[in-house]
């Protein structure tokens, strides 16, 4: 079994055997687990006390079992509905944040390639690349911070907004040397309530100015594709805001909470009438109540996939993932594009695209062949040094 990616380490578990120490530890680390225990233990103790006391009114209360069965049905139905809604929001958020990272990468990659063969000076092109990847990394971080805070910043201004924003875990994420940007621009960004839009505007102005300076080697309709990809990232960010700012419908939440409370009150009386042993009364009361409150509590975490919880997405990893890709773009642009080997250029007319060539074998065999060639060259150079 392959090792999980860094992203999956936060959410991974042993899926071959559920009851293993690592999985038990993950469950015990859930805050909702202890909250559900805190709610379920008193329910079980009340049920055991009722059974020990042998209260006569219990039998009268549960004479009609249809009432409790109806209550149980509605509780389970609403709880399942709540869990399904949260699960859907979680996976929607997962799709959108990966799309944001991909869109930013595509936009930066396109804009970097469009400078190939530029008529502008090498220093101007290099400065454009340096600013571009810094702003791209910064915009992604601002998106994650805004999603983590939700609608908090939209109703705050000035220093109050800055103080609230600094509480976001995303402000501690890895960035690509944004300290090299002008202090005045960064001060304006920190005091803005729309940080994502500000950085996106900077990227747009950077591209327009680069077009005017002749940094791009392609006409404006082609270079606009890079802005289009960056614009998709902003569109997906606005779609993510629906997840963070629109909560689960209030009437459903109130109904679910009332039914959970009624279920908590009725369960000890009903189970005490059905079971003879006080120990089993406690176990059944605890198990039923714990299951409902625990899964509903987990749904509350899944409902906000961008916040810093044990069941949320690892946004710090996604930020690092984008930064590594941006650095790869910058380093790849400094090197020439791949060309044919010299022995192929000398006989360009011969058929090299055949099944017994590199096309027909795996990439692993190609890498092994090239590694063997490098090792032989290294040994030859070492032998020459020894002979000298």
Foldseek 3Di string as FASTA:
>chain_A
DDDDDPQCVLVDDPPVDCPDPVNVVLLVPAPLLVVLLVLLQVLLVLLLVCLVVVDPVLCVVCVPVVVLVVLVVVLVVLLVVLLVVLLVLLVLLVVLLVLLLVLLLVLLLQLLVQLVVFPDDPVVSLVLLLVSQQLSLVLSLVLLLCLQVFCVLVPDFFPVSLVVSVPAPSVVFDGDPPVPDDPVLVVVLSRDSCNNVSSLVVNVVSLVVCVVRRSGPDDPVSNCVSNVSNVVSVVSSVVSSCLRHPADDPVSVVVNVVSLVVSSVSLSSNLSVVDNHSVVSSVVSSVVSSVSSSSSVVSVCSSRQSHPDSNHGPSSVSSVVSSVSSVVSSVVSVDDDDDDDPVCVVVVPDDQPDLVHPVVDDPVVVVVVVVVVVVVVVVVVVVVVVVD
